């Protein structure tokens, strides 16, 4: 019984630490793990202003991972810093803008 109490307290302390240290500038997004992805390569892509170690710690906590092993094809919740610029991916539509110049119309 004492082990359960200790485990419960440690879990509460970890959750409180994550809550207290969260700067509020991070949102989370679901991504699908691709073949060859590691937490380290994903961190380079998504970490923004976070350090690689901090980003990996947040991913492990959010996804309840006990180690750094991830499996291709599975979904992973990752922190996305607000300072990151979102770049349109091939499945997103980018609207065209029509610009009129005297007698000619151009489409960008």
C-alpha atoms as a PDB file:
ATOM      1  CA  UNK A   1       0.000   0.000   0.000  1.00  0.00           C
ATOM      2  CA  UNK A   2       2.822   2.435   0.778  1.00  0.00           C
ATOM      3  CA  UNK A   3       4.240   1.885  -2.718  1.00  0.00           C
ATOM      4  CA  UNK A   4       0.945   2.960  -4.264  1.00  0.00           C
ATOM      5  CA  UNK A   5       0.906   6.122  -2.163  1.00  0.00           C
ATOM      6  CA  UNK A   6       4.490   6.923  -3.134  1.00  0.00           C
ATOM      7  CA  UNK A   7       3.772   6.258  -6.826  1.00  0.00           C
ATOM      8  CA  UNK A   8       0.682   8.469  -6.641  1.00  0.00           C
ATOM      9  CA  UNK A   9       2.638  11.319  -5.024  1.00  0.00           C
ATOM     10  CA  UNK A  10       5.458  11.066  -7.573  1.00  0.00           C
ATOM     11  CA  UNK A  11       2.915  11.155 -10.419  1.00  0.00           C
ATOM     12  CA  UNK A  12       1.254  14.246  -8.915  1.00  0.00           C
ATOM     13  CA  UNK A  13       4.641  15.946  -8.503  1.00  0.00           C
ATOM     14  CA  UNK A  14       5.632  15.239 -12.129  1.00  0.00           C
ATOM     15  CA  UNK A  15       2.288  16.530 -13.409  1.00  0.00           C
ATOM     16  CA  UNK A  16       2.622  19.659 -11.258  1.00  0.00           C
ATOM     17  CA  UNK A  17       6.168  20.233 -12.532  1.00  0.00           C
ATOM     18  CA  UNK A  18       5.027  19.977 -16.159  1.00  0.00           C
ATOM     19  CA  UNK A  19       2.086  22.297 -15.481  1.00  0.00           C
ATOM     20  CA  UNK A  20       4.228  24.870 -13.673  1.00  0.00           C
ATOM     21  CA  UNK A  21       7.031  24.886 -16.253  1.00  0.00           C
ATOM     22  CA  UNK A  22       4.660  25.117 -19.243  1.00  0.00           C
ATOM     23  CA  UNK A  23       5.011  28.647 -20.618  1.00  0.00           C
ATOM     24  CA  UNK A  24       1.631  28.547 -22.362  1.00  0.00           C
ATOM     25  CA  UNK A  25       3.257  29.139 -25.758  1.00  0.00           C
ATOM     26  CA  UNK A  26       3.111  25.481 -26.710  1.00  0.00           C
ATOM     27  CA  UNK A  27       0.232  23.708 -28.374  1.00  0.00           C
ATOM     28  CA  UNK A  28       0.014  20.013 -29.160  1.00  0.00           C
ATOM     29  CA  UNK A  29      -0.625  18.301 -32.476  1.00  0.00           C
ATOM     30  CA  UNK A  30      -1.159  14.677 -33.525  1.00  0.00           C
ATOM     31  CA  UNK A  31       1.327  13.407 -36.097  1.00  0.00           C
ATOM     32  CA  UNK A  32       1.757  10.017 -37.722  1.00  0.00           C
ATOM     33  CA  UNK A  33       5.185   8.492 -37.184  1.00  0.00           C
ATOM     34  CA  UNK A  34       6.939   7.723 -40.479  1.00  0.00           C
ATOM     35  CA  UNK A  35       9.511   5.001 -41.107  1.00  0.00           C
ATOM     36  CA  UNK A  36      12.907   6.269 -39.957  1.00  0.00           C
ATOM     37  CA  UNK A  37      11.519   8.867 -37.517  1.00  0.00           C
ATOM     38  CA  UNK A  38      13.086   9.093 -34.074  1.00  0.00           C
ATOM     39  CA  UNK A  39      12.273  11.451 -31.236  1.00  0.00           C
ATOM     40  CA  UNK A  40      15.542  13.239 -32.032  1.00  0.00           C
ATOM     41  CA  UNK A  41      14.706  13.787 -35.733  1.00  0.00           C
ATOM     42  CA  UNK A  42      11.146  14.828 -34.880  1.00  0.00           C
ATOM     43  CA  UNK A  43      12.502  17.265 -32.294  1.00  0.00           C
ATOM     44  CA  UNK A  44      14.600  18.971 -34.961  1.00  0.00           C
ATOM     45  CA  UNK A  45      11.462  19.394 -37.062  1.00  0.00           C
ATOM     46  CA  UNK A  46       8.971  20.503 -34.362  1.00  0.00           C
ATOM     47  CA  UNK A  47      10.829  21.855 -31.305  1.00  0.00           C
ATOM     48  CA  UNK A  48      10.831  25.567 -32.181  1.00  0.00           C
ATOM     49  CA  UNK A  49      12.426  27.436 -29.250  1.00  0.00           C
ATOM     50  CA  UNK A  50      12.478  24.365 -26.986  1.00  0.00           C
ATOM     51  CA  UNK A  51      15.702  22.473 -26.449  1.00  0.00           C
ATOM     52  CA  UNK A  52      15.785  18.984 -27.953  1.00  0.00           C
ATOM     53  CA  UNK A  53      15.880  17.418 -24.503  1.00  0.00           C
ATOM     54  CA  UNK A  54      12.946  19.524 -23.274  1.00  0.00           C
ATOM     55  CA  UNK A  55      10.893  18.686 -26.381  1.00  0.00           C
ATOM     56  CA  UNK A  56      11.583  14.955 -25.973  1.00  0.00           C
ATOM     57  CA  UNK A  57      10.694  15.128 -22.258  1.00  0.00           C
ATOM     58  CA  UNK A  58       7.335  16.729 -23.122  1.00  0.00           C
ATOM     59  CA  UNK A  59       6.612  14.151 -25.832  1.00  0.00           C
ATOM     60  CA  UNK A  60       7.426  11.281 -23.483  1.00  0.00           C
ATOM     61  CA  UNK A  61       5.211  12.749 -20.751  1.00  0.00           C
ATOM     62  CA  UNK A  62       2.301  13.538 -23.110  1.00  0.00           C
ATOM     63  CA  UNK A  63       2.380  10.073 -24.702  1.00  0.00           C
ATOM     64  CA  UNK A  64       3.246   8.156 -21.509  1.00  0.00           C
ATOM     65  CA  UNK A  65       6.438   6.759 -23.061  1.00  0.00           C
ATOM     66  CA  UNK A  66       8.895   5.023 -20.755  1.00  0.00           C
ATOM     67  CA  UNK A  67      11.747   5.207 -23.262  1.00  0.00           C
ATOM     68  CA  UNK A  68      12.550   6.870 -26.595  1.00  0.00           C
ATOM     69  CA  UNK A  69      11.290   4.035 -28.794  1.00  0.00           C
ATOM     70  CA  UNK A  70       8.524   4.997 -31.254  1.00  0.00           C
ATOM     71  CA  UNK A  71       6.814   2.864 -33.913  1.00  0.00           C
ATOM     72  CA  UNK A  72       6.160   3.856 -37.535  1.00  0.00           C
ATOM     73  CA  UNK A  73       2.461   4.096 -38.359  1.00  0.00           C
ATOM     74  CA  UNK A  74       1.411   5.048 -34.827  1.00  0.00           C
ATOM     75  CA  UNK A  75       0.106   8.482 -33.819  1.00  0.00           C
ATOM     76  CA  UNK A  76       2.152  10.698 -31.532  1.00  0.00           C
ATOM     77  CA  UNK A  77       1.115  13.866 -29.719  1.00  0.00           C
ATOM     78  CA  UNK A  78       3.908  16.417 -30.061  1.00  0.00           C
ATOM     79  CA  UNK A  79       4.378  19.950 -28.735  1.00  0.00           C
ATOM     80  CA  UNK A  80       4.415  22.647 -31.407  1.00  0.00           C
ATOM     81  CA  UNK A  81       5.886  25.983 -30.361  1.00  0.00           C
ATOM     82  CA  UNK A  82       3.908  29.099 -31.337  1.00  0.00           C
ATOM     83  CA  UNK A  83       7.134  30.545 -32.711  1.00  0.00           C
ATOM     84  CA  UNK A  84       7.217  27.926 -35.465  1.00  0.00           C
ATOM     85  CA  UNK A  85       6.035  28.953 -38.903  1.00  0.00           C
ATOM     86  CA  UNK A  86       3.413  26.616 -40.339  1.00  0.00           C
ATOM     87  CA  UNK A  87       4.315  25.613 -43.892  1.00  0.00           C
ATOM     88  CA  UNK A  88       1.572  24.222 -46.116  1.00  0.00           C
ATOM     89  CA  UNK A  89       1.970  20.545 -46.903  1.00  0.00           C
ATOM     90  CA  UNK A  90       0.989  18.968 -50.217  1.00  0.00           C
ATOM     91  CA  UNK A  91      -2.490  17.951 -48.971  1.00  0.00           C
ATOM     92  CA  UNK A  92      -3.384  21.499 -47.933  1.00  0.00           C
ATOM     93  CA  UNK A  93      -4.907  23.817 -50.472  1.00  0.00           C
ATOM     94  CA  UNK A  94      -3.291  27.185 -50.977  1.00  0.00           C
ATOM     95  CA  UNK A  95      -5.797  29.724 -52.325  1.00  0.00           C
ATOM     96  CA  UNK A  96      -4.831  31.620 -55.440  1.00  0.00           C
ATOM     97  CA  UNK A  97      -4.877  35.385 -55.583  1.00  0.00           C
ATOM     98  CA  UNK A  98      -5.952  37.205 -58.710  1.00  0.00           C
ATOM     99  CA  UNK A  99      -4.212  40.462 -59.410  1.00  0.00           C
ATOM    100  CA  UNK A 100      -5.480  42.864 -62.046  1.00  0.00           C
ATOM    101  CA  UNK A 101      -2.993  45.105 -63.800  1.00  0.00           C
ATOM    102  CA  UNK A 102      -4.582  47.558 -66.256  1.00  0.00           C
ATOM    103  CA  UNK A 103      -5.819  45.339 -69.109  1.00  0.00           C
ATOM    104  CA  UNK A 104      -4.248  42.057 -68.034  1.00  0.00           C
ATOM    105  CA  UNK A 105      -5.188  39.669 -65.230  1.00  0.00           C
ATOM    106  CA  UNK A 106      -2.546  37.577 -63.559  1.00  0.00           C
ATOM    107  CA  UNK A 107      -3.006  34.679 -61.199  1.00  0.00           C
ATOM    108  CA  UNK A 108      -0.508  34.070 -58.436  1.00  0.00           C
END
